[in-house]
Amino acid sequence: MLCEELDDVDDVIVIAEQIIEVLRRPFDVGSRPIQVSACVGVAMRGSETATPDALLRDSKAAMFRAKHEGPNRWELYDATLRERVQRRRDTEAALQGALERGELRLVYQPIVRLSSGEVTGFEALVRWARPGHGLVAPADFIALAEESQLIVAIGEWVLEQACRQIAAWNGQHPDRAPLSISVNVSGRQFARPDFATSLEHVTARSRVDPQWLMLEITETVLVSTADQALGQLERIKRLGVRLAIDDFGTGYSSLAYLRQFPIDVVKIDRMFMDELGGLMSADTTVIAAVIRLAQVLGHEVVAEGAETAQQMSALYQLGCDYVQGFYFSPPLTQAQAELLVRGRRDLGSVRDALQRS
């Protein structure tokens, strides 16, 4: 909608709000009332050099920002939004070649058996060593990779590197119980029809025992693709690869899916850690119920995000199987993780500390 001869931004806001209000009213389609929501993006011509294409581009960016905030909203394209959009474009352009330039790195966070304090494996996490920006955390680029579909190539690279690494570590210590490696799988990656075949090729190339590998798939992905998910999970299980529901408790948390899907591990999301162990804590009640139910169904439980002695003591008392978090260790570089692999118990005996508490 092109509006001419407006005096100031207040006039624009009035028009945007009127558009939203009109579109919120139900529409009669046949004999049925249909209600819709609207999001409006607004861009104003800042100078005589502004072009129609620039106005369309900027108003579209503002509209997407309004959609991100929720239904029935308007957003004005301003200098702050322009800077945010430009940063996003720059990040996407840089990310396009990050894999080819060898800028991606894996770090490894230990997973600890709570009853003994022994490191039983690692979760492989990707970082981006972006020139001029240091080590970029996943929160700053994974969502962008998802939208641009770069996530499939990145996910395949992570899977390959993680498998090669765990095969090397276990090969160095054949006399010990093997370590496992956990890898996150994106929704786009999981939905590919050839994913199980690709996974089989990766494990064969890296000479990794499939039982050493665990794929973490978020609860949201499983629920949103429920019709196809079961078949995909069964194909993966036939390869011998283990499966975990990641971030359990943040989505639908359907108990039926715990029974229906062929999973091995339930990973409790870190959002439940804040008040764990406190008197009358709802988080403690929820975690206790999840641990009990998962174990009755034959699943192991990993608690993520443990950072305090109080949380560790509560998880131990509740019978949680495994834990990972900054209480033990942040994600480690390959060299740091290798030092831990050599000692295997360098994190100390958690069991003794908990029994004394």
Protein backbone atom coordinates (compact mmCIF):
# COMPACT_ATOMS: atom_id res chain seq x y z
CA MET A 1 0.00 0.00 0.00
CA LEU A 2 1.51 3.32 -1.09
CA CYS A 3 0.50 6.33 1.04
CA GLU A 4 1.38 9.80 -0.21
CA GLU A 5 1.47 13.26 1.37
CA LEU A 6 1.72 12.11 4.96
CA ASP A 7 2.89 14.74 7.44
CA ASP A 8 4.76 12.58 9.95
CA VAL A 9 5.23 9.10 11.33
CA ASP A 10 2.16 9.38 13.59
CA ASP A 11 -0.04 9.39 10.51
CA VAL A 12 1.64 6.21 9.30
CA ILE A 13 1.05 4.48 12.63
CA VAL A 14 -2.65 5.37 12.54
CA ILE A 15 -3.01 3.83 9.08
CA ALA A 16 -1.13 0.67 10.08
CA GLU A 17 -3.35 0.19 13.13
CA GLN A 18 -6.49 0.77 11.06
CA ILE A 19 -5.39 -1.90 8.55
CA ILE A 20 -4.83 -4.41 11.35
CA GLU A 21 -8.18 -3.60 12.96
CA VAL A 22 -10.11 -4.01 9.70
CA LEU A 23 -8.46 -7.32 8.87
CA ARG A 24 -9.11 -8.68 12.37
CA ARG A 25 -12.86 -8.61 11.76
CA PRO A 26 -14.29 -11.99 10.66
CA PHE A 27 -14.83 -12.56 6.96
CA ASP A 28 -17.88 -14.47 5.81
CA VAL A 29 -16.82 -17.22 3.42
CA GLY A 30 -19.95 -19.02 2.38
CA SER A 31 -21.77 -19.59 5.64
CA ARG A 32 -18.62 -19.68 7.77
CA PRO A 33 -16.93 -16.76 9.53
CA ILE A 34 -13.16 -16.84 8.97
CA GLN A 35 -10.86 -14.79 11.19
CA VAL A 36 -7.35 -13.83 10.16
CA SER A 37 -4.52 -11.82 11.65
CA ALA A 38 -2.33 -9.25 9.96
CA CYS A 39 1.23 -8.02 10.34
CA VAL A 40 2.21 -4.72 8.75
CA GLY A 41 5.68 -3.54 7.82
CA VAL A 42 6.19 0.17 7.25
CA ALA A 43 9.02 1.97 5.47
CA MET A 44 9.19 5.72 4.94
CA ARG A 45 10.99 7.53 2.18
CA GLY A 46 13.89 9.22 3.87
CA SER A 47 15.20 11.32 1.01
CA GLU A 48 14.67 12.13 -2.63
CA THR A 49 17.11 9.37 -3.56
CA ALA A 50 15.01 6.57 -2.04
CA THR A 51 13.83 4.15 -4.72
CA PRO A 52 10.64 2.12 -4.99
CA ASP A 53 12.69 -1.08 -4.74
CA ALA A 54 14.31 0.15 -1.53
CA LEU A 55 10.92 0.99 -0.01
CA LEU A 56 9.57 -2.45 -0.88
CA ARG A 57 12.67 -4.15 0.51
CA ASP A 58 12.60 -2.18 3.76
CA SER A 59 8.85 -2.57 4.32
CA LYS A 60 9.19 -6.32 3.74
CA ALA A 61 11.97 -6.52 6.34
CA ALA A 62 9.79 -4.62 8.80
CA MET A 63 6.86 -6.94 8.07
CA PHE A 64 8.96 -10.02 8.84
CA ARG A 65 10.05 -8.41 12.09
CA ALA A 66 6.39 -7.80 12.98
CA LYS A 67 5.56 -11.44 12.23
CA HIS A 68 8.40 -12.54 14.49
CA GLU A 69 6.91 -10.54 17.38
CA GLY A 70 3.44 -12.07 17.00
CA PRO A 71 0.10 -11.61 15.20
CA ASN A 72 -1.68 -8.28 14.69
CA ARG A 73 1.40 -6.12 14.98
CA TRP A 74 3.07 -3.40 12.96
CA GLU A 75 6.76 -2.59 12.73
CA LEU A 76 8.46 0.54 11.41
CA TYR A 77 11.68 0.14 9.48
CA ASP A 78 14.25 2.30 11.20
CA ALA A 79 18.00 2.65 11.52
CA THR A 80 18.18 -0.07 14.21
CA LEU A 81 16.23 -2.52 12.09
CA ARG A 82 18.28 -1.58 9.02
CA GLU A 83 21.48 -2.34 10.93
CA ARG A 84 20.06 -5.65 12.18
CA VAL A 85 19.01 -6.68 8.68
CA GLN A 86 22.40 -5.73 7.26
CA ARG A 87 24.20 -7.74 9.94
CA ARG A 88 21.99 -10.69 9.11
CA ARG A 89 22.78 -10.39 5.41
CA ASP A 90 26.49 -10.14 6.13
CA THR A 91 26.33 -13.17 8.42
CA GLU A 92 24.47 -15.23 5.84
CA ALA A 93 26.95 -14.29 3.12
CA ALA A 94 29.90 -15.20 5.34
CA LEU A 95 28.25 -18.45 6.45
CA GLN A 96 27.79 -19.55 2.85
CA GLY A 97 31.51 -20.22 2.52
CA ALA A 98 32.39 -21.07 6.13
CA LEU A 99 32.39 -24.81 5.52
CA GLU A 100 34.57 -24.61 2.41
CA ARG A 101 37.04 -22.29 4.15
CA GLY A 102 37.37 -24.66 7.12
CA GLU A 103 35.99 -22.19 9.66
CA LEU A 104 33.73 -24.62 11.53
CA ARG A 105 34.97 -26.31 14.70
CA LEU A 106 33.66 -29.00 17.01
CA VAL A 107 33.79 -28.76 20.79
CA TYR A 108 32.93 -31.60 23.13
CA GLN A 109 30.96 -31.44 26.38
CA PRO A 110 31.43 -34.44 28.70
CA ILE A 111 28.47 -36.63 29.65
CA VAL A 112 28.94 -38.13 33.11
CA ARG A 113 27.44 -41.22 34.73
CA LEU A 114 26.01 -39.80 37.93
CA SER A 115 26.46 -42.93 40.05
CA SER A 116 30.22 -43.11 39.47
CA GLY A 117 31.37 -39.77 38.11
CA GLU A 118 32.86 -41.49 35.07
CA VAL A 119 32.86 -39.74 31.71
CA THR A 120 30.97 -42.05 29.37
CA GLY A 121 30.87 -39.86 26.30
CA PHE A 122 30.60 -36.39 24.82
CA GLU A 123 28.09 -34.22 23.01
CA ALA A 124 29.62 -32.74 19.87
CA LEU A 125 28.73 -29.07 19.44
CA VAL A 126 29.55 -26.89 16.45
CA ARG A 127 31.20 -23.47 16.64
CA TRP A 128 32.06 -21.02 13.89
CA ALA A 129 35.54 -19.48 13.95
CA ARG A 130 34.46 -16.45 11.92
CA PRO A 131 37.38 -14.22 10.96
CA GLY A 132 37.23 -10.94 12.84
CA HIS A 133 34.47 -12.19 15.19
CA GLY A 134 36.14 -14.92 17.21
CA LEU A 135 34.32 -18.14 18.06
CA VAL A 136 30.63 -17.70 17.23
CA ALA A 137 28.10 -19.68 19.32
CA PRO A 138 25.37 -21.75 17.59
CA ALA A 139 22.63 -19.40 18.81
CA ASP A 140 24.08 -16.73 16.51
CA PHE A 141 24.11 -18.72 13.28
CA ILE A 142 22.22 -22.05 13.45
CA ALA A 143 18.77 -20.48 12.99
CA LEU A 144 20.08 -18.62 9.95
CA ALA A 145 21.56 -21.85 8.60
CA GLU A 146 18.16 -23.52 9.05
CA GLU A 147 16.39 -20.83 7.04
CA SER A 148 18.94 -20.86 4.23
CA GLN A 149 19.11 -24.68 4.16
CA LEU A 150 22.85 -24.58 4.86
CA ILE A 151 22.03 -26.63 7.95
CA VAL A 152 21.98 -29.86 5.93
CA ALA A 153 25.58 -29.46 4.75
CA ILE A 154 26.69 -28.29 8.20
CA GLY A 155 24.89 -31.19 9.86
CA GLU A 156 26.54 -33.72 7.56
CA TRP A 157 29.97 -32.22 8.31
CA VAL A 158 29.37 -32.34 12.08
CA LEU A 159 28.22 -35.94 11.89
CA GLU A 160 31.24 -37.02 9.85
CA GLN A 161 33.76 -35.23 12.07
CA ALA A 162 32.17 -36.49 15.30
CA CYS A 163 32.19 -40.10 14.07
CA ARG A 164 35.84 -39.88 13.02
CA GLN A 165 36.79 -38.40 16.38
CA ILE A 166 35.05 -40.98 18.55
CA ALA A 167 36.47 -43.79 16.40
CA ALA A 168 39.96 -42.38 16.97
CA TRP A 169 39.52 -41.98 20.73
CA ASN A 170 38.11 -45.46 21.21
CA GLY A 171 40.81 -46.90 18.99
CA GLN A 172 43.46 -45.40 21.25
CA HIS A 173 42.04 -47.23 24.30
CA PRO A 174 40.71 -50.62 23.13
CA ASP A 175 41.01 -52.02 26.67
CA ARG A 176 38.40 -49.60 28.07
CA ALA A 177 34.64 -49.44 27.73
CA PRO A 178 34.02 -47.37 24.59
CA LEU A 179 33.00 -43.74 24.78
CA SER A 180 29.91 -42.51 22.95
CA ILE A 181 29.35 -39.36 20.92
CA SER A 182 26.06 -37.46 20.71
CA VAL A 183 25.21 -35.35 17.66
CA ASN A 184 22.27 -33.00 17.19
CA VAL A 185 20.18 -33.52 14.07
CA SER A 186 18.20 -30.63 12.60
CA GLY A 187 14.63 -30.92 11.41
CA ARG A 188 15.63 -30.41 7.77
CA GLN A 189 18.34 -33.04 8.02
CA PHE A 190 16.05 -35.55 9.73
CA ALA A 191 13.29 -35.02 7.14
CA ARG A 192 15.47 -35.97 4.17
CA PRO A 193 14.33 -39.32 2.70
CA ASP A 194 17.95 -40.42 2.22
CA PHE A 195 19.07 -39.50 5.74
CA ALA A 196 19.35 -43.08 7.03
CA THR A 197 21.30 -44.12 3.93
CA SER A 198 23.63 -41.15 4.32
CA LEU A 199 24.09 -42.03 8.00
CA GLU A 200 25.03 -45.60 7.08
CA HIS A 201 27.67 -44.32 4.66
CA VAL A 202 29.13 -41.97 7.28
CA THR A 203 29.50 -44.71 9.90
CA ALA A 204 31.10 -47.01 7.35
CA ARG A 205 33.59 -44.37 6.14
CA SER A 206 34.59 -43.38 9.65
CA ARG A 207 34.80 -47.02 10.80
CA VAL A 208 32.76 -46.22 13.87
CA ASP A 209 30.67 -48.80 15.67
CA PRO A 210 27.10 -47.47 15.25
CA GLN A 211 26.45 -48.18 18.93
CA TRP A 212 28.97 -45.48 19.82
CA LEU A 213 26.82 -42.87 18.07
CA MET A 214 23.70 -41.25 19.49
CA LEU A 215 21.56 -38.86 17.49
CA GLU A 216 19.70 -36.16 19.41
CA ILE A 217 16.42 -35.07 17.86
CA THR A 218 14.30 -32.40 19.50
CA GLU A 219 10.87 -33.17 20.79
CA THR A 220 9.43 -30.45 18.55
CA VAL A 221 10.85 -32.04 15.39
CA LEU A 222 9.47 -35.46 16.30
CA VAL A 223 6.00 -34.12 17.03
CA SER A 224 5.81 -31.88 13.96
CA THR A 225 6.81 -34.79 11.68
CA ALA A 226 5.09 -37.56 13.64
CA ASP A 227 3.67 -39.32 10.57
CA GLN A 228 7.11 -39.69 8.95
CA ALA A 229 9.21 -39.71 12.12
CA LEU A 230 8.43 -43.25 13.22
CA GLY A 231 9.59 -44.80 9.95
CA GLN A 232 12.74 -42.67 9.91
CA LEU A 233 13.57 -43.58 13.50
CA GLU A 234 13.09 -47.27 12.82
CA ARG A 235 15.44 -47.09 9.82
CA ILE A 236 18.06 -45.41 11.99
CA LYS A 237 17.63 -47.97 14.76
CA ARG A 238 18.18 -50.83 12.31
CA LEU A 239 21.66 -49.40 11.71
CA GLY A 240 22.43 -49.83 15.41
CA VAL A 241 22.57 -46.10 16.12
CA ARG A 242 21.09 -44.92 19.43
CA LEU A 243 18.44 -42.20 19.64
CA ALA A 244 17.65 -39.48 22.15
CA ILE A 245 14.78 -37.02 22.51
CA ASP A 246 16.50 -33.70 23.11
CA ASP A 247 15.11 -30.70 25.05
CA PHE A 248 12.37 -32.84 26.57
CA GLY A 249 9.82 -30.72 28.36
CA THR A 250 10.00 -27.66 26.11
CA GLY A 251 7.48 -28.82 23.50
CA TYR A 252 4.35 -30.93 23.67
CA SER A 253 5.95 -33.44 26.06
CA SER A 254 3.54 -36.10 24.89
CA LEU A 255 3.91 -39.19 27.04
CA ALA A 256 2.53 -41.25 24.16
CA TYR A 257 5.62 -40.44 22.10
CA LEU A 258 7.90 -41.80 24.82
CA ARG A 259 6.16 -45.12 24.35
CA GLN A 260 5.67 -44.96 20.58
CA PHE A 261 9.09 -43.87 19.35
CA PRO A 262 12.05 -46.30 19.50
CA ILE A 263 14.26 -44.04 21.59
CA ASP A 264 17.01 -44.94 24.06
CA VAL A 265 17.53 -41.70 25.99
CA VAL A 266 15.46 -38.77 27.25
CA LYS A 267 17.40 -35.53 27.68
CA ILE A 268 15.73 -33.17 30.17
CA ASP A 269 16.02 -29.56 29.09
CA ARG A 270 18.11 -27.14 31.14
CA MET A 271 15.09 -24.88 31.74
CA PHE A 272 14.09 -27.19 34.61
CA MET A 273 17.41 -26.79 36.41
CA ASP A 274 16.88 -23.31 37.90
CA GLU A 275 14.91 -24.29 40.99
CA LEU A 276 15.86 -27.94 41.15
CA GLY A 277 16.36 -29.09 44.72
CA GLY A 278 14.52 -26.18 46.32
CA LEU A 279 11.73 -26.68 48.83
CA MET A 280 8.34 -27.13 47.14
CA SER A 281 10.04 -26.81 43.76
CA ALA A 282 7.84 -27.52 40.74
CA ASP A 283 10.98 -28.22 38.71
CA THR A 284 11.95 -31.00 41.13
CA THR A 285 8.49 -32.55 40.84
CA VAL A 286 8.55 -32.46 37.04
CA ILE A 287 12.04 -33.92 36.76
CA ALA A 288 11.23 -36.67 39.26
CA ALA A 289 8.17 -37.65 37.21
CA VAL A 290 10.08 -37.63 33.91
CA ILE A 291 12.94 -39.71 35.33
CA ARG A 292 10.57 -42.27 36.82
CA LEU A 293 8.43 -42.60 33.72
CA ALA A 294 11.36 -42.77 31.29
CA GLN A 295 13.12 -45.44 33.32
CA VAL A 296 9.95 -47.52 33.67
CA LEU A 297 9.70 -47.44 29.86
CA GLY A 298 13.29 -48.63 29.58
CA HIS A 299 14.91 -45.30 28.67
CA GLU A 300 17.98 -43.72 30.21
CA VAL A 301 17.85 -40.09 31.34
CA VAL A 302 20.36 -37.29 30.84
CA ALA A 303 19.90 -33.97 32.63
CA GLU A 304 21.37 -30.98 30.77
CA GLY A 305 22.56 -27.70 32.23
CA ALA A 306 23.63 -28.81 35.73
CA GLU A 307 25.71 -26.03 37.26
CA THR A 308 25.46 -26.23 41.06
CA ALA A 309 26.08 -28.73 43.84
CA GLN A 310 22.43 -28.41 44.88
CA GLN A 311 21.28 -29.47 41.42
CA MET A 312 23.71 -32.37 41.37
CA SER A 313 22.58 -33.60 44.78
CA ALA A 314 18.92 -33.42 43.73
CA LEU A 315 19.57 -35.31 40.49
CA TYR A 316 21.48 -37.98 42.38
CA GLN A 317 18.64 -38.40 44.89
CA LEU A 318 16.10 -38.61 42.06
CA GLY A 319 18.05 -41.41 40.38
CA CYS A 320 19.03 -39.59 37.19
CA ASP A 321 21.35 -41.72 35.05
CA TYR A 322 23.61 -39.14 33.41
CA VAL A 323 24.28 -35.44 33.57
CA GLN A 324 26.13 -32.78 31.59
CA GLY A 325 26.73 -29.15 32.41
CA PHE A 326 29.17 -26.55 33.62
CA TYR A 327 29.26 -28.13 37.10
CA PHE A 328 31.61 -30.65 35.53
CA SER A 329 32.93 -28.97 32.45
CA PRO A 330 32.11 -26.48 29.68
CA PRO A 331 32.43 -27.71 26.09
CA LEU A 332 36.09 -28.60 25.47
CA THR A 333 38.34 -28.23 22.47
CA GLN A 334 39.62 -31.41 20.86
CA ALA A 335 42.95 -31.09 22.68
CA GLN A 336 41.27 -30.51 26.04
CA ALA A 337 38.89 -33.43 25.52
CA GLU A 338 41.79 -35.71 24.63
CA LEU A 339 43.42 -34.98 27.99
CA LEU A 340 40.18 -36.01 29.66
CA VAL A 341 39.90 -39.15 27.52
CA ARG A 342 43.32 -40.29 28.69
CA GLY A 343 42.39 -40.00 32.37
CA ARG A 344 38.69 -40.80 32.00
CA ARG A 345 38.05 -39.96 35.68
CA ASP A 346 39.77 -36.57 35.89
CA LEU A 347 36.44 -34.96 36.77
CA GLY A 348 36.63 -36.69 40.15
CA SER A 349 34.27 -39.05 41.87
CA VAL A 350 30.85 -37.46 41.96
CA ARG A 351 29.38 -40.32 43.91
CA ASP A 352 31.65 -39.80 46.93
CA ALA A 353 30.98 -36.07 46.99
CA LEU A 354 27.23 -36.59 46.84
CA GLN A 355 27.22 -39.23 49.54
CA ARG A 356 29.07 -36.84 51.85
CA SER A 357 26.57 -34.02 51.17
